[in-house]
Amino acid sequence: MILEPAAHTSPMRNFVKCGVFGWCLEIIWTALDSLRRREYKLIGRSSVWMFPIYGMASLIGPLSVLFRPLNMIWRGVIYMSGIFSMEYLTGSILKKRGVCPWDYSGAKLNYRGLIRLDYAPLWFLTGLFYEKILGR
C-alpha cells in the first residue's frame, strides 16, 4: 500500500481513514482479549460511536508537521496525551447521555471509568501508527 503525502489528502478522507483503522484496531483488540476469557470464537466488538472518535485522530496529520523536529518518544507522549484527553472528553459526553460504549470502572488503573492509565503504551503506539498512516 502506498501512502499519499498528507498535503494531497483531504481532511475528510483522513477522518474516514482514521475512523476505519480505529474500528479495526478496536475489533482486533477486543477479539484478542477474548482469548484471556477462553472464548475461542475471537469475536471483536465496537460501537458506531467509536467511528467519529477514532476519526478525530486525523488531527495528528497536520499536528505531526509541527512535531517533526521532536524525537519519536516526545511525539508518542504528545499523541498519547491527546488520545487520553479525547477519550476522557468524549467518554464524559457520552456517559452523561447514557450511551458510552466503554466502562473501565472495574480496571485497576482507571480514572472515573473513562480512561485506563495502563493503556498508555497502547495509545503511545497508536498515535505513532496514526502518524505513519497519515503520511508524516
C-alpha atoms as a PDB file:
ATOM      1  CA  MET A   1       0.000   0.000   0.000  1.00  0.00           C
ATOM      2  CA  ILE A   2       1.400   3.371  -0.982  1.00  0.00           C
ATOM      3  CA  LEU A   3       0.547   6.210   1.371  1.00  0.00           C
ATOM      4  CA  GLU A   4      -0.242   9.572  -0.155  1.00  0.00           C
ATOM      5  CA  PRO A   5       1.525  12.625   1.206  1.00  0.00           C
ATOM      6  CA  ALA A   6      -0.571  14.385   3.848  1.00  0.00           C
ATOM      7  CA  ALA A   7      -0.728  17.573   1.779  1.00  0.00           C
ATOM      8  CA  HIS A   8      -2.567  15.773  -1.048  1.00  0.00           C
ATOM      9  CA  THR A   9      -5.116  14.029   1.150  1.00  0.00           C
ATOM     10  CA  SER A  10      -8.384  15.699   2.076  1.00  0.00           C
ATOM     11  CA  PRO A  11      -9.290  16.130   5.747  1.00  0.00           C
ATOM     12  CA  MET A  12     -12.482  14.097   5.204  1.00  0.00           C
ATOM     13  CA  ARG A  13     -10.536  11.242   3.644  1.00  0.00           C
ATOM     14  CA  ASN A  14      -8.118  11.266   6.604  1.00  0.00           C
ATOM     15  CA  PHE A  15     -11.052  11.330   9.035  1.00  0.00           C
ATOM     16  CA  VAL A  16     -12.596   8.271   7.360  1.00  0.00           C
ATOM     17  CA  LYS A  17      -9.206   6.515   7.167  1.00  0.00           C
ATOM     18  CA  CYS A  18      -8.602   7.076  10.897  1.00  0.00           C
ATOM     19  CA  GLY A  19     -12.146   6.045  11.789  1.00  0.00           C
ATOM     20  CA  VAL A  20     -11.837   2.780   9.855  1.00  0.00           C
ATOM     21  CA  PHE A  21      -8.345   1.995  11.198  1.00  0.00           C
ATOM     22  CA  GLY A  22      -9.522   2.732  14.739  1.00  0.00           C
ATOM     23  CA  TRP A  23     -12.530   0.468  14.362  1.00  0.00           C
ATOM     24  CA  CYS A  24     -10.322  -2.320  13.023  1.00  0.00           C
ATOM     25  CA  LEU A  25      -7.809  -1.902  15.841  1.00  0.00           C
ATOM     26  CA  GLU A  26     -10.577  -1.976  18.444  1.00  0.00           C
ATOM     27  CA  ILE A  27     -12.219  -5.062  16.966  1.00  0.00           C
ATOM     28  CA  ILE A  28      -8.880  -6.881  16.854  1.00  0.00           C
ATOM     29  CA  TRP A  29      -8.036  -5.745  20.424  1.00  0.00           C
ATOM     30  CA  THR A  30     -11.358  -6.912  21.847  1.00  0.00           C
ATOM     31  CA  ALA A  31     -11.135 -10.190  19.912  1.00  0.00           C
ATOM     32  CA  LEU A  32      -7.669 -10.861  21.334  1.00  0.00           C
ATOM     33  CA  ASP A  33      -8.940 -10.012  24.815  1.00  0.00           C
ATOM     34  CA  SER A  34     -11.471 -12.815  24.432  1.00  0.00           C
ATOM     35  CA  LEU A  35      -8.518 -15.237  24.459  1.00  0.00           C
ATOM     36  CA  ARG A  36      -7.949 -14.256  28.085  1.00  0.00           C
ATOM     37  CA  ARG A  37     -11.518 -15.336  28.826  1.00  0.00           C
ATOM     38  CA  ARG A  38     -11.006 -18.579  26.827  1.00  0.00           C
ATOM     39  CA  GLU A  39     -13.603 -17.534  24.252  1.00  0.00           C
ATOM     40  CA  TYR A  40     -12.032 -19.002  21.153  1.00  0.00           C
ATOM     41  CA  LYS A  41     -14.522 -17.591  18.681  1.00  0.00           C
ATOM     42  CA  LEU A  42     -12.456 -14.373  18.943  1.00  0.00           C
ATOM     43  CA  ILE A  43     -15.457 -12.134  18.494  1.00  0.00           C
ATOM     44  CA  GLY A  44     -14.417  -8.474  18.437  1.00  0.00           C
ATOM     45  CA  ARG A  45     -16.717  -5.613  19.351  1.00  0.00           C
ATOM     46  CA  SER A  46     -17.065  -1.914  18.774  1.00  0.00           C
ATOM     47  CA  SER A  47     -19.725   0.763  18.607  1.00  0.00           C
ATOM     48  CA  VAL A  48     -20.811   3.174  15.900  1.00  0.00           C
ATOM     49  CA  TRP A  49     -19.983   5.947  18.397  1.00  0.00           C
ATOM     50  CA  MET A  50     -16.331   4.966  18.093  1.00  0.00           C
ATOM     51  CA  PHE A  51     -16.022   5.821  14.399  1.00  0.00           C
ATOM     52  CA  PRO A  52     -16.047   9.623  14.826  1.00  0.00           C
ATOM     53  CA  ILE A  53     -13.942   9.330  17.987  1.00  0.00           C
ATOM     54  CA  TYR A  54     -11.243   7.421  16.096  1.00  0.00           C
ATOM     55  CA  GLY A  55     -11.759   9.724  13.123  1.00  0.00           C
ATOM     56  CA  MET A  56     -10.614  12.650  15.255  1.00  0.00           C
ATOM     57  CA  ALA A  57      -7.141  11.093  15.157  1.00  0.00           C
ATOM     58  CA  SER A  58      -6.931  12.700  11.706  1.00  0.00           C
ATOM     59  CA  LEU A  59      -5.782  15.806  13.599  1.00  0.00           C
ATOM     60  CA  ILE A  60      -2.479  14.003  14.114  1.00  0.00           C
ATOM     61  CA  GLY A  61      -1.674  14.565  10.423  1.00  0.00           C
ATOM     62  CA  PRO A  62      -1.384  18.353  10.478  1.00  0.00           C
ATOM     63  CA  LEU A  63      -0.002  18.338  14.030  1.00  0.00           C
ATOM     64  CA  SER A  64       2.769  15.931  13.031  1.00  0.00           C
ATOM     65  CA  VAL A  65       4.219  18.701  10.849  1.00  0.00           C
ATOM     66  CA  LEU A  66       4.650  20.828  13.993  1.00  0.00           C
ATOM     67  CA  PHE A  67       6.120  17.894  15.914  1.00  0.00           C
ATOM     68  CA  ARG A  68       8.549  16.880  13.153  1.00  0.00           C
ATOM     69  CA  PRO A  69      11.613  18.286  14.997  1.00  0.00           C
ATOM     70  CA  LEU A  70      10.798  16.210  18.096  1.00  0.00           C
ATOM     71  CA  ASN A  71      12.086  12.693  18.547  1.00  0.00           C
ATOM     72  CA  MET A  72       9.748   9.696  18.458  1.00  0.00           C
ATOM     73  CA  ILE A  73       9.443   9.468  22.263  1.00  0.00           C
ATOM     74  CA  TRP A  74       8.169  13.039  22.611  1.00  0.00           C
ATOM     75  CA  ARG A  75       5.814  12.684  19.652  1.00  0.00           C
ATOM     76  CA  GLY A  76       4.423   9.454  21.107  1.00  0.00           C
ATOM     77  CA  VAL A  77       3.910  11.088  24.514  1.00  0.00           C
ATOM     78  CA  ILE A  78       2.100  14.029  22.908  1.00  0.00           C
ATOM     79  CA  TYR A  79      -0.152  11.744  20.860  1.00  0.00           C
ATOM     80  CA  MET A  80      -0.820   9.516  23.872  1.00  0.00           C
ATOM     81  CA  SER A  81      -1.799  12.566  25.942  1.00  0.00           C
ATOM     82  CA  GLY A  82      -4.096  13.792  23.177  1.00  0.00           C
ATOM     83  CA  ILE A  83      -5.739  10.391  22.838  1.00  0.00           C
ATOM     84  CA  PHE A  84      -6.284  10.187  26.617  1.00  0.00           C
ATOM     85  CA  SER A  85      -7.754  13.708  26.586  1.00  0.00           C
ATOM     86  CA  MET A  86     -10.157  12.952  23.745  1.00  0.00           C
ATOM     87  CA  GLU A  87     -11.096   9.587  25.261  1.00  0.00           C
ATOM     88  CA  TYR A  88     -11.936  11.323  28.544  1.00  0.00           C
ATOM     89  CA  LEU A  89     -13.794  14.215  26.876  1.00  0.00           C
ATOM     90  CA  THR A  90     -15.866  12.094  24.506  1.00  0.00           C
ATOM     91  CA  GLY A  91     -16.462   9.468  27.191  1.00  0.00           C
ATOM     92  CA  SER A  92     -17.737  12.153  29.586  1.00  0.00           C
ATOM     93  CA  ILE A  93     -20.151  13.490  26.967  1.00  0.00           C
ATOM     94  CA  LEU A  94     -21.430  10.022  26.029  1.00  0.00           C
ATOM     95  CA  LYS A  95     -21.667   8.919  29.677  1.00  0.00           C
ATOM     96  CA  LYS A  96     -23.894  11.925  30.533  1.00  0.00           C
ATOM     97  CA  ARG A  97     -26.260  10.721  27.798  1.00  0.00           C
ATOM     98  CA  GLY A  98     -26.076   7.089  28.940  1.00  0.00           C
ATOM     99  CA  VAL A  99     -24.520   5.843  25.696  1.00  0.00           C
ATOM    100  CA  CYS A 100     -20.804   5.490  26.481  1.00  0.00           C
ATOM    101  CA  PRO A 101     -19.711   2.179  24.930  1.00  0.00           C
ATOM    102  CA  TRP A 102     -16.886   1.623  27.425  1.00  0.00           C
ATOM    103  CA  ASP A 103     -16.676   1.486  31.196  1.00  0.00           C
ATOM    104  CA  TYR A 104     -13.282   0.937  32.776  1.00  0.00           C
ATOM    105  CA  SER A 105     -14.590   1.188  36.346  1.00  0.00           C
ATOM    106  CA  GLY A 106     -13.522  -2.380  37.084  1.00  0.00           C
ATOM    107  CA  ALA A 107      -9.938  -1.818  35.913  1.00  0.00           C
ATOM    108  CA  LYS A 108      -7.242  -1.135  38.469  1.00  0.00           C
ATOM    109  CA  LEU A 109      -5.740   1.994  36.878  1.00  0.00           C
ATOM    110  CA  ASN A 110      -8.889   3.731  35.680  1.00  0.00           C
ATOM    111  CA  TYR A 111      -9.864   7.353  36.066  1.00  0.00           C
ATOM    112  CA  ARG A 112     -13.610   7.831  36.530  1.00  0.00           C
ATOM    113  CA  GLY A 113     -14.187   4.709  34.464  1.00  0.00           C
ATOM    114  CA  LEU A 114     -13.362   6.672  31.313  1.00  0.00           C
ATOM    115  CA  ILE A 115      -9.650   6.119  30.783  1.00  0.00           C
ATOM    116  CA  ARG A 116      -7.215   3.367  31.745  1.00  0.00           C
ATOM    117  CA  LEU A 117      -3.725   4.541  32.538  1.00  0.00           C
ATOM    118  CA  ASP A 118      -2.363   1.045  31.842  1.00  0.00           C
ATOM    119  CA  TYR A 119      -3.342   1.667  28.204  1.00  0.00           C
ATOM    120  CA  ALA A 120      -0.673   4.399  27.958  1.00  0.00           C
ATOM    121  CA  PRO A 121       1.747   2.213  25.930  1.00  0.00           C
ATOM    122  CA  LEU A 122      -1.062   1.250  23.545  1.00  0.00           C
ATOM    123  CA  TRP A 123      -2.094   4.856  22.978  1.00  0.00           C
ATOM    124  CA  PHE A 124       1.570   5.858  22.581  1.00  0.00           C
ATOM    125  CA  LEU A 125       1.998   3.303  19.785  1.00  0.00           C
ATOM    126  CA  THR A 126      -1.418   4.025  18.285  1.00  0.00           C
ATOM    127  CA  GLY A 127      -0.560   7.723  17.984  1.00  0.00           C
ATOM    128  CA  LEU A 128       2.672   6.893  16.165  1.00  0.00           C
ATOM    129  CA  PHE A 129       0.765   4.429  13.975  1.00  0.00           C
ATOM    130  CA  TYR A 130      -1.725   7.153  13.007  1.00  0.00           C
ATOM    131  CA  GLU A 131       1.175   9.500  12.287  1.00  0.00           C
ATOM    132  CA  LYS A 132       2.552   6.895   9.895  1.00  0.00           C
ATOM    133  CA  ILE A 133      -0.714   6.174   8.058  1.00  0.00           C
ATOM    134  CA  LEU A 134      -1.402   9.880   7.704  1.00  0.00           C
ATOM    135  CA  GLY A 135       1.819  10.219   5.733  1.00  0.00           C
ATOM    136  CA  ARG A 136       4.065  12.129   8.118  1.00  0.00           C
END
